């Protein structure tokens, strides 16, 4: 029923570029028909948030909605939308965020000064992905491991113009980058709480700053050691940094001559029991 109604919704944009309201209607249908939320718990335009899901008045999820087709082929646009969702969720003290354009849905939990993946699914299927349960009424409050689907993220698709990554995004004063480029984000609305820059604005690892970010967690790097990150957040931050290192194939399980920073990160993750979250050792050399 949801799949058929979604196709009807998309036809509402046939006489011009589909507007954001079409995607908002699709998202409402998703949670009210494919999932088990009541219409009364799907709250629209709460503060600056597009959609807020609540259960018995308790806010569970802040959802940022973009026009159909504007997110699914564009990782950078997804990240920009997430920046917005995180700020709105922080302002309302909500622990989970999501973004959607009516074609895809990505959800994550705010954890350890960043985000922990909850799901990434395509919505253009007749059979609902099983992962959607993690944003159901009885799934949203349960902690889950990363359950990201293998949804393709092509580098570009000319038919779908990317949104500007700087749209409505705060930037820190020193590096002039949005919050998603930092390993730890204390408050998405306060750039002074963002620590450990490790990504370029494109989302690619910053090869210059990534090893420095790792070293400053555990050692005195050039006289600086980060002490403002809560101890309980360090494992999540380190997983974030190590995933970036793994994409560069810099970890000791991936290359023959790793730098000391990456050896240290790998060893610390072993102690924390968090190597499975990075998935580096399960990948072929």
C-alpha atoms as a PDB file:
ATOM      1  CA  UNK A   1       0.000   0.000   0.000  1.00  0.00           C
ATOM      2  CA  UNK A   2       2.805   2.403   0.852  1.00  0.00           C
ATOM      3  CA  UNK A   3       4.667   1.640  -2.400  1.00  0.00           C
ATOM      4  CA  UNK A   4       1.574   2.323  -4.516  1.00  0.00           C
ATOM      5  CA  UNK A   5       0.791   5.538  -2.665  1.00  0.00           C
ATOM      6  CA  UNK A   6       4.417   6.677  -2.940  1.00  0.00           C
ATOM      7  CA  UNK A   7       4.249   6.362  -6.722  1.00  0.00           C
ATOM      8  CA  UNK A   8       1.074   8.429  -6.710  1.00  0.00           C
ATOM      9  CA  UNK A   9       2.708  11.071  -4.543  1.00  0.00           C
ATOM     10  CA  UNK A  10       5.649  11.386  -6.940  1.00  0.00           C
ATOM     11  CA  UNK A  11       3.249  12.045  -9.815  1.00  0.00           C
ATOM     12  CA  UNK A  12       2.231  15.220  -8.022  1.00  0.00           C
ATOM     13  CA  UNK A  13       5.509  16.679  -9.251  1.00  0.00           C
ATOM     14  CA  UNK A  14       5.204  15.734 -12.923  1.00  0.00           C
ATOM     15  CA  UNK A  15       4.419  19.301 -14.049  1.00  0.00           C
ATOM     16  CA  UNK A  16       7.590  20.721 -12.561  1.00  0.00           C
ATOM     17  CA  UNK A  17      10.405  19.971 -10.170  1.00  0.00           C
ATOM     18  CA  UNK A  18       9.042  17.884  -7.264  1.00  0.00           C
ATOM     19  CA  UNK A  19       8.685  20.039  -4.173  1.00  0.00           C
ATOM     20  CA  UNK A  20       9.679  19.213  -0.626  1.00  0.00           C
ATOM     21  CA  UNK A  21       6.032  18.800   0.417  1.00  0.00           C
ATOM     22  CA  UNK A  22       5.787  15.695  -1.816  1.00  0.00           C
ATOM     23  CA  UNK A  23       8.629  14.029   0.102  1.00  0.00           C
ATOM     24  CA  UNK A  24       7.085  15.124   3.398  1.00  0.00           C
ATOM     25  CA  UNK A  25       3.825  13.412   2.444  1.00  0.00           C
ATOM     26  CA  UNK A  26       5.715  10.235   1.461  1.00  0.00           C
ATOM     27  CA  UNK A  27       7.495  10.189   4.812  1.00  0.00           C
ATOM     28  CA  UNK A  28       4.201  10.633   6.648  1.00  0.00           C
ATOM     29  CA  UNK A  29       2.723   7.715   4.683  1.00  0.00           C
ATOM     30  CA  UNK A  30       5.794   5.589   5.480  1.00  0.00           C
ATOM     31  CA  UNK A  31       5.535   5.986   9.237  1.00  0.00           C
ATOM     32  CA  UNK A  32       1.733   5.799   9.375  1.00  0.00           C
ATOM     33  CA  UNK A  33       1.167   2.861   6.973  1.00  0.00           C
ATOM     34  CA  UNK A  34       4.340   0.812   6.462  1.00  0.00           C
ATOM     35  CA  UNK A  35       5.251   1.294  10.137  1.00  0.00           C
ATOM     36  CA  UNK A  36       3.159   1.557  13.292  1.00  0.00           C
ATOM     37  CA  UNK A  37       3.155   5.252  14.213  1.00  0.00           C
ATOM     38  CA  UNK A  38      -0.191   6.950  14.627  1.00  0.00           C
ATOM     39  CA  UNK A  39      -0.861  10.135  12.666  1.00  0.00           C
ATOM     40  CA  UNK A  40      -1.170  12.015  15.946  1.00  0.00           C
ATOM     41  CA  UNK A  41       2.447  11.154  16.781  1.00  0.00           C
ATOM     42  CA  UNK A  42       3.824  12.390  13.448  1.00  0.00           C
ATOM     43  CA  UNK A  43       4.328  16.047  14.283  1.00  0.00           C
ATOM     44  CA  UNK A  44       5.037  18.557  11.514  1.00  0.00           C
ATOM     45  CA  UNK A  45       7.085  21.757  11.797  1.00  0.00           C
ATOM     46  CA  UNK A  46       8.115  21.507  15.446  1.00  0.00           C
ATOM     47  CA  UNK A  47      10.552  24.337  16.002  1.00  0.00           C
ATOM     48  CA  UNK A  48      12.586  24.330  12.806  1.00  0.00           C
ATOM     49  CA  UNK A  49      12.351  20.547  12.401  1.00  0.00           C
ATOM     50  CA  UNK A  50      10.307  19.261   9.453  1.00  0.00           C
ATOM     51  CA  UNK A  51       8.998  16.160  11.241  1.00  0.00           C
ATOM     52  CA  UNK A  52       9.247  14.994  14.852  1.00  0.00           C
ATOM     53  CA  UNK A  53       8.063  11.510  15.861  1.00  0.00           C
ATOM     54  CA  UNK A  54       6.788  11.201  19.405  1.00  0.00           C
ATOM     55  CA  UNK A  55       5.465   8.422  21.610  1.00  0.00           C
ATOM     56  CA  UNK A  56       3.126   9.423  24.455  1.00  0.00           C
ATOM     57  CA  UNK A  57       4.408  12.958  24.017  1.00  0.00           C
ATOM     58  CA  UNK A  58       8.072  11.907  24.286  1.00  0.00           C
ATOM     59  CA  UNK A  59      10.078  12.988  21.227  1.00  0.00           C
ATOM     60  CA  UNK A  60      11.917  10.072  19.651  1.00  0.00           C
ATOM     61  CA  UNK A  61      13.174  11.190  16.227  1.00  0.00           C
ATOM     62  CA  UNK A  62      13.836  14.446  14.364  1.00  0.00           C
ATOM     63  CA  UNK A  63      13.539  14.076  10.593  1.00  0.00           C
ATOM     64  CA  UNK A  64      14.820  16.529   7.975  1.00  0.00           C
ATOM     65  CA  UNK A  65      13.023  16.216   4.621  1.00  0.00           C
ATOM     66  CA  UNK A  66      14.337  17.348   1.226  1.00  0.00           C
ATOM     67  CA  UNK A  67      12.700  17.387  -2.186  1.00  0.00           C
ATOM     68  CA  UNK A  68      12.464  14.045  -4.038  1.00  0.00           C
ATOM     69  CA  UNK A  69      15.686  13.005  -5.740  1.00  0.00           C
ATOM     70  CA  UNK A  70      17.922  15.519  -3.983  1.00  0.00           C
ATOM     71  CA  UNK A  71      19.621  13.108  -1.563  1.00  0.00           C
ATOM     72  CA  UNK A  72      19.809   9.545  -2.825  1.00  0.00           C
ATOM     73  CA  UNK A  73      22.757  10.001  -5.190  1.00  0.00           C
ATOM     74  CA  UNK A  74      24.521  12.675  -3.171  1.00  0.00           C
ATOM     75  CA  UNK A  75      26.413  11.822   0.008  1.00  0.00           C
ATOM     76  CA  UNK A  76      27.439  15.466   0.426  1.00  0.00           C
ATOM     77  CA  UNK A  77      23.806  16.597   0.340  1.00  0.00           C
ATOM     78  CA  UNK A  78      22.894  13.922   2.904  1.00  0.00           C
ATOM     79  CA  UNK A  79      25.622  15.211   5.196  1.00  0.00           C
ATOM     80  CA  UNK A  80      24.389  18.794   4.841  1.00  0.00           C
ATOM     81  CA  UNK A  81      20.831  17.698   5.697  1.00  0.00           C
ATOM     82  CA  UNK A  82      22.171  15.778   8.700  1.00  0.00           C
ATOM     83  CA  UNK A  83      23.897  18.923   9.949  1.00  0.00           C
ATOM     84  CA  UNK A  84      20.496  20.591  10.055  1.00  0.00           C
ATOM     85  CA  UNK A  85      18.772  17.627  11.696  1.00  0.00           C
ATOM     86  CA  UNK A  86      21.442  17.386  14.396  1.00  0.00           C
ATOM     87  CA  UNK A  87      21.083  21.058  15.307  1.00  0.00           C
ATOM     88  CA  UNK A  88      17.309  20.814  15.520  1.00  0.00           C
ATOM     89  CA  UNK A  89      17.515  17.580  17.540  1.00  0.00           C
ATOM     90  CA  UNK A  90      20.041  19.130  19.918  1.00  0.00           C
ATOM     91  CA  UNK A  91      17.775  22.142  20.458  1.00  0.00           C
ATOM     92  CA  UNK A  92      14.884  19.813  21.368  1.00  0.00           C
ATOM     93  CA  UNK A  93      17.039  17.283  23.262  1.00  0.00           C
ATOM     94  CA  UNK A  94      16.117  14.396  20.929  1.00  0.00           C
ATOM     95  CA  UNK A  95      18.508  11.467  20.647  1.00  0.00           C
ATOM     96  CA  UNK A  96      17.820  10.225  17.099  1.00  0.00           C
ATOM     97  CA  UNK A  97      17.845  11.953  13.716  1.00  0.00           C
ATOM     98  CA  UNK A  98      16.933  11.023  10.159  1.00  0.00           C
ATOM     99  CA  UNK A  99      16.926  12.482   6.648  1.00  0.00           C
ATOM    100  CA  UNK A 100      14.827  11.529   3.641  1.00  0.00           C
ATOM    101  CA  UNK A 101      13.916  12.699   0.153  1.00  0.00           C
ATOM    102  CA  UNK A 102      11.126  10.185  -0.354  1.00  0.00           C
ATOM    103  CA  UNK A 103      13.537   7.860  -2.173  1.00  0.00           C
ATOM    104  CA  UNK A 104      15.826   6.959   0.719  1.00  0.00           C
ATOM    105  CA  UNK A 105      15.832   7.122   4.501  1.00  0.00           C
ATOM    106  CA  UNK A 106      18.907   7.394   6.691  1.00  0.00           C
ATOM    107  CA  UNK A 107      18.627   7.379  10.488  1.00  0.00           C
ATOM    108  CA  UNK A 108      21.240   7.590  13.225  1.00  0.00           C
ATOM    109  CA  UNK A 109      21.596   8.044  16.974  1.00  0.00           C
ATOM    110  CA  UNK A 110      23.498  10.924  18.519  1.00  0.00           C
ATOM    111  CA  UNK A 111      26.297   9.168  20.410  1.00  0.00           C
ATOM    112  CA  UNK A 112      29.763   9.977  21.616  1.00  0.00           C
ATOM    113  CA  UNK A 113      29.858  13.451  20.144  1.00  0.00           C
ATOM    114  CA  UNK A 114      28.763  12.240  16.714  1.00  0.00           C
ATOM    115  CA  UNK A 115      26.374   9.776  15.121  1.00  0.00           C
ATOM    116  CA  UNK A 116      25.937   6.015  15.211  1.00  0.00           C
ATOM    117  CA  UNK A 117      24.238   4.500  12.171  1.00  0.00           C
ATOM    118  CA  UNK A 118      20.752   3.088  12.642  1.00  0.00           C
ATOM    119  CA  UNK A 119      19.671   2.387   9.060  1.00  0.00           C
ATOM    120  CA  UNK A 120      20.050   3.377   5.427  1.00  0.00           C
ATOM    121  CA  UNK A 121      17.364   2.039   3.089  1.00  0.00           C
ATOM    122  CA  UNK A 122      15.863   2.700  -0.311  1.00  0.00           C
ATOM    123  CA  UNK A 123      12.127   3.408  -0.279  1.00  0.00           C
ATOM    124  CA  UNK A 124      11.427   2.608  -3.948  1.00  0.00           C
ATOM    125  CA  UNK A 125      10.741  -1.090  -3.327  1.00  0.00           C
ATOM    126  CA  UNK A 126       7.439  -2.968  -3.124  1.00  0.00           C
ATOM    127  CA  UNK A 127       8.709  -5.095  -0.223  1.00  0.00           C
ATOM    128  CA  UNK A 128       9.638  -2.984   2.819  1.00  0.00           C
ATOM    129  CA  UNK A 129      13.245  -3.421   3.991  1.00  0.00           C
ATOM    130  CA  UNK A 130      13.382  -5.308   7.294  1.00  0.00           C
ATOM    131  CA  UNK A 131      15.730  -2.634   8.699  1.00  0.00           C
ATOM    132  CA  UNK A 132      12.806  -0.203   8.872  1.00  0.00           C
ATOM    133  CA  UNK A 133      11.878  -1.910  12.149  1.00  0.00           C
ATOM    134  CA  UNK A 134      14.649   0.132  13.810  1.00  0.00           C
ATOM    135  CA  UNK A 135      12.530   3.281  13.347  1.00  0.00           C
ATOM    136  CA  UNK A 136       9.242   1.653  14.355  1.00  0.00           C
ATOM    137  CA  UNK A 137       7.499   2.528  17.622  1.00  0.00           C
ATOM    138  CA  UNK A 138       9.166  -0.405  19.397  1.00  0.00           C
ATOM    139  CA  UNK A 139      12.443  -0.270  17.490  1.00  0.00           C
ATOM    140  CA  UNK A 140      13.376   3.397  17.805  1.00  0.00           C
ATOM    141  CA  UNK A 141      14.186   3.232  21.511  1.00  0.00           C
ATOM    142  CA  UNK A 142      16.314   0.082  21.277  1.00  0.00           C
ATOM    143  CA  UNK A 143      20.089   0.377  20.819  1.00  0.00           C
ATOM    144  CA  UNK A 144      21.319  -1.341  17.689  1.00  0.00           C
ATOM    145  CA  UNK A 145      24.584  -2.113  15.986  1.00  0.00           C
ATOM    146  CA  UNK A 146      25.310  -0.553  12.605  1.00  0.00           C
ATOM    147  CA  UNK A 147      22.764  -2.075  10.254  1.00  0.00           C
ATOM    148  CA  UNK A 148      23.553  -0.044   7.138  1.00  0.00           C
ATOM    149  CA  UNK A 149      22.207  -1.596   3.962  1.00  0.00           C
ATOM    150  CA  UNK A 150      24.350  -1.913   0.861  1.00  0.00           C
ATOM    151  CA  UNK A 151      22.667   1.057  -0.774  1.00  0.00           C
ATOM    152  CA  UNK A 152      24.822   2.312  -3.620  1.00  0.00           C
ATOM    153  CA  UNK A 153      26.234   5.810  -3.431  1.00  0.00           C
ATOM    154  CA  UNK A 154      27.488   6.665  -6.943  1.00  0.00           C
ATOM    155  CA  UNK A 155      29.881   9.590  -6.998  1.00  0.00           C
ATOM    156  CA  UNK A 156      27.545  11.632  -9.171  1.00  0.00           C
ATOM    157  CA  UNK A 157      24.415  11.471 -11.229  1.00  0.00           C
ATOM    158  CA  UNK A 158      23.929  14.384 -13.580  1.00  0.00           C
ATOM    159  CA  UNK A 159      20.133  14.143 -13.587  1.00  0.00           C
ATOM    160  CA  UNK A 160      20.030  14.937  -9.874  1.00  0.00           C
ATOM    161  CA  UNK A 161      21.838  18.173  -8.984  1.00  0.00           C
ATOM    162  CA  UNK A 162      23.513  18.097  -5.590  1.00  0.00           C
ATOM    163  CA  UNK A 163      22.539  20.507  -2.853  1.00  0.00           C
ATOM    164  CA  UNK A 164      25.138  22.910  -1.572  1.00  0.00           C
ATOM    165  CA  UNK A 165      27.003  21.383   1.362  1.00  0.00           C
ATOM    166  CA  UNK A 166      27.135  24.796   3.013  1.00  0.00           C
ATOM    167  CA  UNK A 167      23.372  25.306   2.953  1.00  0.00           C
ATOM    168  CA  UNK A 168      22.280  26.539   6.371  1.00  0.00           C
ATOM    169  CA  UNK A 169      25.422  25.001   7.888  1.00  0.00           C
ATOM    170  CA  UNK A 170      27.435  26.407  10.771  1.00  0.00           C
ATOM    171  CA  UNK A 171      31.214  26.376  10.411  1.00  0.00           C
ATOM    172  CA  UNK A 172      33.991  26.573  12.929  1.00  0.00           C
ATOM    173  CA  UNK A 173      36.127  29.694  12.980  1.00  0.00           C
ATOM    174  CA  UNK A 174      39.524  28.061  12.561  1.00  0.00           C
ATOM    175  CA  UNK A 175      39.023  25.462   9.840  1.00  0.00           C
ATOM    176  CA  UNK A 176      35.803  26.852   8.287  1.00  0.00           C
ATOM    177  CA  UNK A 177      34.244  23.388   8.135  1.00  0.00           C
ATOM    178  CA  UNK A 178      30.811  22.047   9.161  1.00  0.00           C
ATOM    179  CA  UNK A 179      30.346  19.829  12.197  1.00  0.00           C
ATOM    180  CA  UNK A 180      30.388  16.565  10.215  1.00  0.00           C
ATOM    181  CA  UNK A 181      34.126  17.102   9.596  1.00  0.00           C
ATOM    182  CA  UNK A 182      34.980  16.754  13.306  1.00  0.00           C
ATOM    183  CA  UNK A 183      35.507  13.614  15.347  1.00  0.00           C
ATOM    184  CA  UNK A 184      33.655  15.004  18.359  1.00  0.00           C
ATOM    185  CA  UNK A 185      30.740  17.432  18.354  1.00  0.00           C
ATOM    186  CA  UNK A 186      29.614  18.428  21.829  1.00  0.00           C
ATOM    187  CA  UNK A 187      26.806  20.713  20.655  1.00  0.00           C
ATOM    188  CA  UNK A 188      25.879  20.872  16.949  1.00  0.00           C
ATOM    189  CA  UNK A 189      24.772  24.481  17.452  1.00  0.00           C
ATOM    190  CA  UNK A 190      28.036  25.626  19.085  1.00  0.00           C
ATOM    191  CA  UNK A 191      31.152  25.346  16.920  1.00  0.00           C
ATOM    192  CA  UNK A 192      33.400  25.933  19.941  1.00  0.00           C
ATOM    193  CA  UNK A 193      32.544  22.405  21.130  1.00  0.00           C
ATOM    194  CA  UNK A 194      33.697  20.709  17.919  1.00  0.00           C
ATOM    195  CA  UNK A 195      37.003  18.870  18.326  1.00  0.00           C
ATOM    196  CA  UNK A 196      39.397  16.849  16.156  1.00  0.00           C
ATOM    197  CA  UNK A 197      38.950  17.855  12.499  1.00  0.00           C
ATOM    198  CA  UNK A 198      39.517  14.738  10.384  1.00  0.00           C
ATOM    199  CA  UNK A 199      37.424  15.086   7.216  1.00  0.00           C
ATOM    200  CA  UNK A 200      37.548  17.477   4.298  1.00  0.00           C
ATOM    201  CA  UNK A 201      34.310  19.231   3.412  1.00  0.00           C
ATOM    202  CA  UNK A 202      33.839  16.733   0.575  1.00  0.00           C
ATOM    203  CA  UNK A 203      33.607  13.940   3.157  1.00  0.00           C
ATOM    204  CA  UNK A 204      36.998  12.488   2.228  1.00  0.00           C
ATOM    205  CA  UNK A 205      39.503  11.864   5.050  1.00  0.00           C
ATOM    206  CA  UNK A 206      41.887  14.727   5.712  1.00  0.00           C
ATOM    207  CA  UNK A 207      45.195  12.862   5.414  1.00  0.00           C
ATOM    208  CA  UNK A 208      47.053  15.670   7.164  1.00  0.00           C
ATOM    209  CA  UNK A 209      44.826  16.015  10.221  1.00  0.00           C
ATOM    210  CA  UNK A 210      43.497  12.464  10.685  1.00  0.00           C
ATOM    211  CA  UNK A 211      46.662  11.016  12.306  1.00  0.00           C
ATOM    212  CA  UNK A 212      46.990  14.151  14.458  1.00  0.00           C
ATOM    213  CA  UNK A 213      43.423  13.690  15.683  1.00  0.00           C
ATOM    214  CA  UNK A 214      44.210  10.110  16.727  1.00  0.00           C
ATOM    215  CA  UNK A 215      47.468  11.073  18.430  1.00  0.00           C
ATOM    216  CA  UNK A 216      45.874  13.890  20.393  1.00  0.00           C
ATOM    217  CA  UNK A 217      43.462  11.406  21.989  1.00  0.00           C
ATOM    218  CA  UNK A 218      46.188   9.291  23.571  1.00  0.00           C
ATOM    219  CA  UNK A 219      49.446  11.221  23.570  1.00  0.00           C
ATOM    220  CA  UNK A 220      50.937  14.661  23.855  1.00  0.00           C
ATOM    221  CA  UNK A 221      51.109  15.700  20.213  1.00  0.00           C
ATOM    222  CA  UNK A 222      53.138  18.911  19.797  1.00  0.00           C
ATOM    223  CA  UNK A 223      52.263  19.866  23.341  1.00  0.00           C
ATOM    224  CA  UNK A 224      48.540  19.330  22.859  1.00  0.00           C
ATOM    225  CA  UNK A 225      46.301  16.587  24.176  1.00  0.00           C
ATOM    226  CA  UNK A 226      42.533  16.821  23.971  1.00  0.00           C
ATOM    227  CA  UNK A 227      41.093  16.747  27.489  1.00  0.00           C
ATOM    228  CA  UNK A 228      37.707  18.287  26.730  1.00  0.00           C
ATOM    229  CA  UNK A 229      36.219  15.117  25.242  1.00  0.00           C
ATOM    230  CA  UNK A 230      34.325  13.044  27.835  1.00  0.00           C
ATOM    231  CA  UNK A 231      36.050   9.745  28.584  1.00  0.00           C
ATOM    232  CA  UNK A 232      32.908   7.767  27.752  1.00  0.00           C
ATOM    233  CA  UNK A 233      32.823   9.330  24.264  1.00  0.00           C
ATOM    234  CA  UNK A 234      36.397   8.346  23.327  1.00  0.00           C
ATOM    235  CA  UNK A 235      35.572   4.859  21.943  1.00  0.00           C
ATOM    236  CA  UNK A 236      32.913   6.263  19.618  1.00  0.00           C
ATOM    237  CA  UNK A 237      35.247   9.046  18.493  1.00  0.00           C
ATOM    238  CA  UNK A 238      38.032   6.569  17.841  1.00  0.00           C
ATOM    239  CA  UNK A 239      35.736   4.329  15.781  1.00  0.00           C
ATOM    240  CA  UNK A 240      34.842   7.381  13.688  1.00  0.00           C
ATOM    241  CA  UNK A 241      38.507   8.218  13.068  1.00  0.00           C
ATOM    242  CA  UNK A 242      39.463   4.593  12.395  1.00  0.00           C
ATOM    243  CA  UNK A 243      36.730   4.176   9.782  1.00  0.00           C
ATOM    244  CA  UNK A 244      38.228   7.122   7.938  1.00  0.00           C
ATOM    245  CA  UNK A 245      41.690   5.533   8.230  1.00  0.00           C
ATOM    246  CA  UNK A 246      40.302   2.235   6.960  1.00  0.00           C
ATOM    247  CA  UNK A 247      39.005   3.897   3.801  1.00  0.00           C
ATOM    248  CA  UNK A 248      42.608   4.970   3.167  1.00  0.00           C
ATOM    249  CA  UNK A 249      43.824   1.434   4.003  1.00  0.00           C
ATOM    250  CA  UNK A 250      46.194   2.810   6.639  1.00  0.00           C
ATOM    251  CA  UNK A 251      45.464   0.461   9.550  1.00  0.00           C
ATOM    252  CA  UNK A 252      47.981  -2.259  10.483  1.00  0.00           C
ATOM    253  CA  UNK A 253      45.647  -5.028   9.310  1.00  0.00           C
ATOM    254  CA  UNK A 254      45.554  -3.369   5.884  1.00  0.00           C
ATOM    255  CA  UNK A 255      49.102  -2.304   5.091  1.00  0.00           C
ATOM    256  CA  UNK A 256      52.651  -3.512   5.756  1.00  0.00           C
ATOM    257  CA  UNK A 257      54.113  -0.318   7.208  1.00  0.00           C
ATOM    258  CA  UNK A 258      51.434   1.620   9.140  1.00  0.00           C
ATOM    259  CA  UNK A 259      52.292   4.852  10.924  1.00  0.00           C
ATOM    260  CA  UNK A 260      52.436   4.835  14.751  1.00  0.00           C
ATOM    261  CA  UNK A 261      49.152   6.768  15.021  1.00  0.00           C
ATOM    262  CA  UNK A 262      47.229   4.093  13.134  1.00  0.00           C
ATOM    263  CA  UNK A 263      48.905   1.281  15.087  1.00  0.00           C
ATOM    264  CA  UNK A 264      47.883   3.020  18.297  1.00  0.00           C
ATOM    265  CA  UNK A 265      44.304   3.452  17.079  1.00  0.00           C
ATOM    266  CA  UNK A 266      44.042  -0.221  16.127  1.00  0.00           C
ATOM    267  CA  UNK A 267      45.402  -1.363  19.486  1.00  0.00           C
ATOM    268  CA  UNK A 268      43.080   0.935  21.439  1.00  0.00           C
ATOM    269  CA  UNK A 269      40.083  -0.335  19.486  1.00  0.00           C
ATOM    270  CA  UNK A 270      41.089  -3.901  20.376  1.00  0.00           C
ATOM    271  CA  UNK A 271      41.090  -2.928  24.051  1.00  0.00           C
ATOM    272  CA  UNK A 272      37.707  -1.242  23.747  1.00  0.00           C
ATOM    273  CA  UNK A 273      36.291  -4.241  21.890  1.00  0.00           C
ATOM    274  CA  UNK A 274      35.250  -1.956  19.025  1.00  0.00           C
ATOM    275  CA  UNK A 275      37.211  -3.322  16.048  1.00  0.00           C
ATOM    276  CA  UNK A 276      34.077  -5.032  14.655  1.00  0.00           C
ATOM    277  CA  UNK A 277      32.540  -1.563  14.271  1.00  0.00           C
ATOM    278  CA  UNK A 278      35.357  -0.552  11.941  1.00  0.00           C
ATOM    279  CA  UNK A 279      35.274  -3.822   9.948  1.00  0.00           C
ATOM    280  CA  UNK A 280      38.877  -3.317   8.896  1.00  0.00           C
ATOM    281  CA  UNK A 281      40.118  -6.786   9.826  1.00  0.00           C
ATOM    282  CA  UNK A 282      37.278  -8.481   7.955  1.00  0.00           C
ATOM    283  CA  UNK A 283      38.184  -6.788   4.669  1.00  0.00           C
ATOM    284  CA  UNK A 284      40.664  -8.336   2.197  1.00  0.00           C
ATOM    285  CA  UNK A 285      44.178  -6.983   2.330  1.00  0.00           C
END
